[in-house]
């Protein structure tokens, strides 16, 4: 039940959004037991982000929420992949991307909880 929510300071074209969705769908498998078949993604472009008090360069804030417990080694691998994806697709440098992880034992879907 992963959800990857992205806020970026640049505009995202339809083509770029599809590429992000596809590549994030592959990357989520770096987390044990996670796959694109349960992945939900969200993109908010043109977001007003400041990093180090400046907004002259592209910036991204990416939140990854997962059902279950955290796996720091897997999260580290996913962070590397996410920064590569956003760098390749949107030209955002790795040192201008924050990735936040949240793992929860409670997750609802289809009118109930797991």
N, C-alpha and C. Protein backbone atom coordinates (compact mmCIF):
# COMPACT_ATOMS: atom_id res chain seq x y z
N UNK A 1 0.81 -1.19 0.00
CA UNK A 1 0.00 0.00 0.00
C UNK A 1 0.86 1.25 0.00
N UNK A 2 1.82 1.39 -0.86
CA UNK A 2 2.63 2.61 -0.84
C UNK A 2 1.94 3.78 -1.55
N UNK A 3 2.26 4.96 -1.08
CA UNK A 3 1.83 6.20 -1.72
C UNK A 3 3.04 7.11 -1.81
N UNK A 4 3.33 7.59 -3.02
CA UNK A 4 4.42 8.53 -3.23
C UNK A 4 3.80 9.85 -3.69
N UNK A 5 3.96 10.87 -2.86
CA UNK A 5 3.40 12.19 -3.12
C UNK A 5 4.55 13.15 -3.37
N UNK A 6 4.48 13.87 -4.47
CA UNK A 6 5.59 14.75 -4.87
C UNK A 6 5.12 16.19 -5.02
N UNK A 7 5.88 17.09 -4.43
CA UNK A 7 5.69 18.52 -4.62
C UNK A 7 6.96 19.03 -5.27
N UNK A 8 6.83 19.64 -6.43
CA UNK A 8 8.01 20.13 -7.14
C UNK A 8 7.80 21.58 -7.55
N UNK A 9 8.89 22.31 -7.63
CA UNK A 9 8.80 23.74 -7.95
C UNK A 9 8.69 24.01 -9.45
N UNK A 10 8.87 22.99 -10.27
CA UNK A 10 8.81 23.17 -11.72
C UNK A 10 7.49 22.63 -12.26
N UNK A 11 7.16 23.01 -13.47
CA UNK A 11 5.97 22.47 -14.14
C UNK A 11 6.30 21.08 -14.68
N UNK A 12 5.31 20.20 -14.65
CA UNK A 12 5.46 18.83 -15.14
C UNK A 12 4.54 18.65 -16.35
N UNK A 13 5.12 18.28 -17.48
CA UNK A 13 4.31 18.01 -18.67
C UNK A 13 3.64 16.64 -18.50
N UNK A 14 2.64 16.37 -19.33
CA UNK A 14 1.97 15.07 -19.30
C UNK A 14 2.96 13.94 -19.54
N UNK A 15 3.86 14.15 -20.48
CA UNK A 15 4.87 13.14 -20.80
C UNK A 15 5.79 12.89 -19.60
N UNK A 16 6.23 13.96 -18.95
CA UNK A 16 7.09 13.82 -17.78
C UNK A 16 6.35 13.11 -16.64
N UNK A 17 5.08 13.44 -16.45
CA UNK A 17 4.30 12.80 -15.39
C UNK A 17 4.19 11.30 -15.62
N UNK A 18 3.95 10.92 -16.86
CA UNK A 18 3.86 9.49 -17.18
C UNK A 18 5.20 8.79 -16.93
N UNK A 19 6.30 9.45 -17.28
CA UNK A 19 7.61 8.85 -17.06
C UNK A 19 7.90 8.73 -15.56
N UNK A 20 7.57 9.77 -14.80
CA UNK A 20 7.74 9.71 -13.35
C UNK A 20 6.94 8.55 -12.76
N UNK A 21 5.66 8.45 -13.14
CA UNK A 21 4.79 7.39 -12.64
C UNK A 21 5.35 6.02 -12.97
N UNK A 22 5.82 5.84 -14.20
CA UNK A 22 6.35 4.55 -14.64
C UNK A 22 7.62 4.19 -13.88
N UNK A 23 8.52 5.15 -13.77
CA UNK A 23 9.80 4.87 -13.09
C UNK A 23 9.63 4.69 -11.58
N UNK A 24 8.73 5.45 -10.98
CA UNK A 24 8.45 5.26 -9.56
C UNK A 24 7.79 3.90 -9.33
N UNK A 25 6.97 3.48 -10.29
CA UNK A 25 6.34 2.17 -10.21
C UNK A 25 7.35 1.03 -10.19
N UNK A 26 8.42 1.20 -10.93
CA UNK A 26 9.49 0.19 -10.91
C UNK A 26 10.33 0.32 -9.64
N UNK A 27 10.59 1.55 -9.22
CA UNK A 27 11.45 1.79 -8.06
C UNK A 27 10.84 1.28 -6.76
N UNK A 28 9.52 1.30 -6.64
CA UNK A 28 8.89 0.91 -5.38
C UNK A 28 9.20 -0.54 -5.02
N UNK A 29 9.57 -1.34 -6.00
CA UNK A 29 9.91 -2.74 -5.73
C UNK A 29 11.22 -2.87 -4.93
N UNK A 30 11.94 -1.76 -4.74
CA UNK A 30 13.13 -1.78 -3.89
C UNK A 30 12.75 -1.99 -2.42
N UNK A 31 11.48 -1.72 -2.10
CA UNK A 31 10.99 -1.97 -0.75
C UNK A 31 10.41 -3.38 -0.70
N UNK A 32 10.81 -4.17 0.29
CA UNK A 32 10.32 -5.55 0.38
C UNK A 32 8.79 -5.63 0.39
N UNK A 33 8.25 -6.47 -0.48
CA UNK A 33 6.81 -6.71 -0.52
C UNK A 33 5.99 -5.63 -1.20
N UNK A 34 6.63 -4.62 -1.79
CA UNK A 34 5.89 -3.52 -2.43
C UNK A 34 6.00 -3.65 -3.95
N UNK A 35 4.92 -3.26 -4.63
CA UNK A 35 4.92 -3.33 -6.08
C UNK A 35 4.04 -2.23 -6.66
N UNK A 36 4.18 -2.01 -7.94
CA UNK A 36 3.39 -0.98 -8.62
C UNK A 36 1.90 -1.31 -8.58
N UNK A 37 1.55 -2.59 -8.45
CA UNK A 37 0.14 -2.96 -8.48
C UNK A 37 -0.66 -2.34 -7.33
N UNK A 38 0.01 -1.91 -6.26
CA UNK A 38 -0.68 -1.25 -5.15
C UNK A 38 -0.22 0.19 -4.95
N UNK A 39 0.65 0.68 -5.82
CA UNK A 39 1.21 2.02 -5.67
C UNK A 39 0.23 3.10 -6.12
N UNK A 40 0.10 4.14 -5.29
CA UNK A 40 -0.62 5.35 -5.67
C UNK A 40 0.41 6.48 -5.72
N UNK A 41 0.33 7.31 -6.74
CA UNK A 41 1.25 8.45 -6.86
C UNK A 41 0.45 9.74 -6.99
N UNK A 42 1.05 10.82 -6.54
CA UNK A 42 0.46 12.14 -6.68
C UNK A 42 1.55 13.14 -7.03
N UNK A 43 1.19 14.10 -7.88
CA UNK A 43 2.17 15.10 -8.32
C UNK A 43 1.54 16.49 -8.20
N UNK A 44 2.25 17.37 -7.52
CA UNK A 44 1.84 18.76 -7.43
C UNK A 44 2.99 19.60 -7.98
N UNK A 45 2.78 20.13 -9.18
CA UNK A 45 3.85 20.91 -9.81
C UNK A 45 3.64 22.40 -9.59
N UNK A 46 4.66 23.16 -9.91
CA UNK A 46 4.59 24.61 -9.73
C UNK A 46 4.41 25.01 -8.27
N UNK A 47 4.83 24.15 -7.36
CA UNK A 47 4.67 24.38 -5.92
C UNK A 47 5.73 25.39 -5.46
N UNK A 48 5.34 26.29 -4.60
CA UNK A 48 6.27 27.31 -4.12
C UNK A 48 7.15 26.73 -3.02
N UNK A 49 8.33 26.27 -3.40
CA UNK A 49 9.30 25.69 -2.48
C UNK A 49 10.54 26.56 -2.41
N UNK A 50 11.02 26.75 -1.20
CA UNK A 50 12.28 27.46 -0.99
C UNK A 50 13.23 26.50 -0.29
N UNK A 51 14.45 26.46 -0.75
CA UNK A 51 15.47 25.63 -0.12
C UNK A 51 16.65 26.52 0.20
N UNK A 52 17.07 26.50 1.45
CA UNK A 52 18.13 27.40 1.93
C UNK A 52 17.76 28.87 1.71
N UNK A 53 16.46 29.17 1.79
CA UNK A 53 15.98 30.54 1.63
C UNK A 53 15.94 31.03 0.20
N UNK A 54 16.07 30.12 -0.75
CA UNK A 54 16.17 30.50 -2.16
C UNK A 54 15.23 29.63 -3.00
N UNK A 55 14.67 30.20 -4.03
CA UNK A 55 13.83 29.41 -4.94
C UNK A 55 14.26 29.58 -6.40
N UNK A 56 15.54 29.87 -6.62
CA UNK A 56 16.03 30.10 -7.98
C UNK A 56 16.38 28.81 -8.72
N UNK A 57 16.46 27.70 -7.99
CA UNK A 57 16.75 26.40 -8.62
C UNK A 57 15.59 25.45 -8.36
N UNK A 58 15.39 24.47 -9.24
CA UNK A 58 14.32 23.50 -9.04
C UNK A 58 14.50 22.72 -7.73
N UNK A 59 13.39 22.48 -7.04
CA UNK A 59 13.38 21.81 -5.74
C UNK A 59 12.25 20.79 -5.74
N UNK A 60 12.43 19.70 -4.98
CA UNK A 60 11.37 18.70 -4.83
C UNK A 60 11.30 18.22 -3.39
N UNK A 61 10.06 17.97 -2.94
CA UNK A 61 9.80 17.33 -1.67
C UNK A 61 8.95 16.10 -1.97
N UNK A 62 9.48 14.93 -1.67
CA UNK A 62 8.81 13.67 -2.02
C UNK A 62 8.51 12.92 -0.72
N UNK A 63 7.24 12.55 -0.53
CA UNK A 63 6.82 11.79 0.65
C UNK A 63 6.47 10.38 0.23
N UNK A 64 7.03 9.41 0.92
CA UNK A 64 6.76 8.00 0.66
C UNK A 64 6.10 7.43 1.90
N UNK A 65 4.84 7.02 1.76
CA UNK A 65 4.09 6.41 2.86
C UNK A 65 3.91 4.94 2.54
N UNK A 66 4.16 4.08 3.54
CA UNK A 66 4.02 2.64 3.33
C UNK A 66 3.28 1.99 4.48
N UNK A 67 2.57 0.93 4.16
CA UNK A 67 1.92 0.09 5.15
C UNK A 67 2.94 -0.91 5.65
N UNK A 68 3.07 -0.99 6.96
CA UNK A 68 4.03 -1.93 7.54
C UNK A 68 5.10 -1.19 8.30
N UNK A 69 6.21 -1.86 8.48
CA UNK A 69 7.31 -1.27 9.26
C UNK A 69 8.36 -0.68 8.33
N UNK A 70 9.25 0.10 8.92
CA UNK A 70 10.29 0.74 8.13
C UNK A 70 11.46 -0.21 7.90
N UNK A 71 12.15 0.01 6.81
CA UNK A 71 13.34 -0.76 6.45
C UNK A 71 14.37 0.24 5.97
N UNK A 72 15.23 0.69 6.87
CA UNK A 72 16.15 1.79 6.57
C UNK A 72 17.07 1.50 5.38
N UNK A 73 17.54 0.28 5.23
CA UNK A 73 18.40 -0.04 4.09
C UNK A 73 17.64 0.07 2.78
N UNK A 74 16.41 -0.42 2.77
CA UNK A 74 15.59 -0.33 1.56
C UNK A 74 15.21 1.12 1.28
N UNK A 75 14.89 1.88 2.33
CA UNK A 75 14.58 3.30 2.15
C UNK A 75 15.77 4.04 1.56
N UNK A 76 16.97 3.71 1.99
CA UNK A 76 18.17 4.35 1.47
C UNK A 76 18.32 4.08 -0.03
N UNK A 77 18.07 2.84 -0.44
CA UNK A 77 18.14 2.49 -1.87
C UNK A 77 17.07 3.25 -2.65
N UNK A 78 15.87 3.34 -2.08
CA UNK A 78 14.78 4.04 -2.77
C UNK A 78 15.08 5.53 -2.88
N UNK A 79 15.68 6.11 -1.85
CA UNK A 79 16.05 7.53 -1.93
C UNK A 79 17.01 7.78 -3.09
N UNK A 80 18.00 6.92 -3.23
CA UNK A 80 18.94 7.06 -4.34
C UNK A 80 18.21 6.98 -5.68
N UNK A 81 17.27 6.07 -5.79
CA UNK A 81 16.52 5.91 -7.05
C UNK A 81 15.59 7.10 -7.29
N UNK A 82 14.91 7.56 -6.25
CA UNK A 82 14.01 8.71 -6.40
C UNK A 82 14.79 9.94 -6.84
N UNK A 83 15.94 10.20 -6.23
CA UNK A 83 16.71 11.38 -6.63
C UNK A 83 17.21 11.26 -8.07
N UNK A 84 17.54 10.05 -8.49
CA UNK A 84 17.95 9.85 -9.88
C UNK A 84 16.77 10.11 -10.83
N UNK A 85 15.61 9.60 -10.49
CA UNK A 85 14.42 9.77 -11.33
C UNK A 85 14.07 11.25 -11.49
N UNK A 86 13.99 11.97 -10.38
CA UNK A 86 13.61 13.38 -10.45
C UNK A 86 14.70 14.22 -11.12
N UNK A 87 15.94 13.79 -10.99
CA UNK A 87 17.03 14.46 -11.70
C UNK A 87 16.93 14.24 -13.20
N UNK A 88 16.74 12.99 -13.61
CA UNK A 88 16.65 12.66 -15.04
C UNK A 88 15.44 13.30 -15.71
N UNK A 89 14.29 13.21 -15.07
CA UNK A 89 13.04 13.64 -15.70
C UNK A 89 12.81 15.15 -15.59
N UNK A 90 13.12 15.73 -14.42
CA UNK A 90 12.81 17.14 -14.20
C UNK A 90 14.02 18.04 -14.03
N UNK A 91 15.22 17.47 -14.04
CA UNK A 91 16.42 18.28 -13.91
C UNK A 91 16.65 18.84 -12.52
N UNK A 92 16.11 18.16 -11.51
CA UNK A 92 16.30 18.61 -10.13
C UNK A 92 17.51 17.88 -9.56
N UNK A 93 18.47 18.64 -9.06
CA UNK A 93 19.69 18.00 -8.55
C UNK A 93 19.40 17.31 -7.22
N UNK A 94 20.14 16.25 -6.96
CA UNK A 94 19.93 15.42 -5.76
C UNK A 94 20.02 16.24 -4.48
N UNK A 95 20.86 17.27 -4.47
CA UNK A 95 21.00 18.06 -3.25
C UNK A 95 19.90 19.11 -3.09
N UNK A 96 18.88 19.04 -3.95
CA UNK A 96 17.70 19.91 -3.83
C UNK A 96 16.43 19.07 -3.73
N UNK A 97 16.58 17.83 -3.26
CA UNK A 97 15.44 16.93 -3.09
C UNK A 97 15.44 16.39 -1.67
N UNK A 98 14.33 16.56 -0.99
CA UNK A 98 14.11 15.91 0.30
C UNK A 98 13.16 14.75 0.07
N UNK A 99 13.43 13.63 0.74
CA UNK A 99 12.54 12.47 0.69
C UNK A 99 12.18 12.12 2.13
N UNK A 100 10.89 12.08 2.40
CA UNK A 100 10.39 11.77 3.73
C UNK A 100 9.68 10.42 3.69
N UNK A 101 9.94 9.58 4.69
CA UNK A 101 9.31 8.26 4.78
C UNK A 101 8.41 8.19 6.00
N UNK A 102 7.26 7.56 5.81
CA UNK A 102 6.33 7.28 6.90
C UNK A 102 5.87 5.85 6.74
N UNK A 103 6.04 5.05 7.80
CA UNK A 103 5.55 3.67 7.81
C UNK A 103 4.48 3.58 8.89
N UNK A 104 3.38 2.91 8.58
CA UNK A 104 2.29 2.81 9.52
C UNK A 104 1.73 1.38 9.59
N UNK A 105 1.33 0.95 10.77
CA UNK A 105 0.71 -0.37 10.88
C UNK A 105 -0.78 -0.34 10.52
N UNK A 106 -1.32 0.85 10.35
CA UNK A 106 -2.75 1.01 10.04
C UNK A 106 -2.93 1.63 8.66
N UNK A 107 -3.65 0.92 7.80
CA UNK A 107 -3.87 1.42 6.44
C UNK A 107 -5.25 0.97 5.99
N UNK A 108 -6.05 1.92 5.54
CA UNK A 108 -7.39 1.60 5.09
C UNK A 108 -7.52 1.54 3.59
N UNK A 109 -8.41 0.64 3.14
CA UNK A 109 -8.69 0.51 1.71
C UNK A 109 -10.00 -0.26 1.53
N UNK A 110 -10.76 0.13 0.58
CA UNK A 110 -11.97 -0.61 0.18
C UNK A 110 -12.94 -0.77 1.36
N UNK A 111 -13.06 0.28 2.17
CA UNK A 111 -14.02 0.29 3.26
C UNK A 111 -13.57 -0.38 4.53
N UNK A 112 -12.32 -0.81 4.59
CA UNK A 112 -11.80 -1.48 5.79
C UNK A 112 -10.34 -1.21 5.99
N UNK A 113 -9.78 -1.79 7.01
CA UNK A 113 -8.35 -1.63 7.30
C UNK A 113 -7.64 -2.97 7.21
N UNK A 114 -6.37 -2.90 6.86
CA UNK A 114 -5.54 -4.09 6.82
C UNK A 114 -5.05 -4.40 8.22
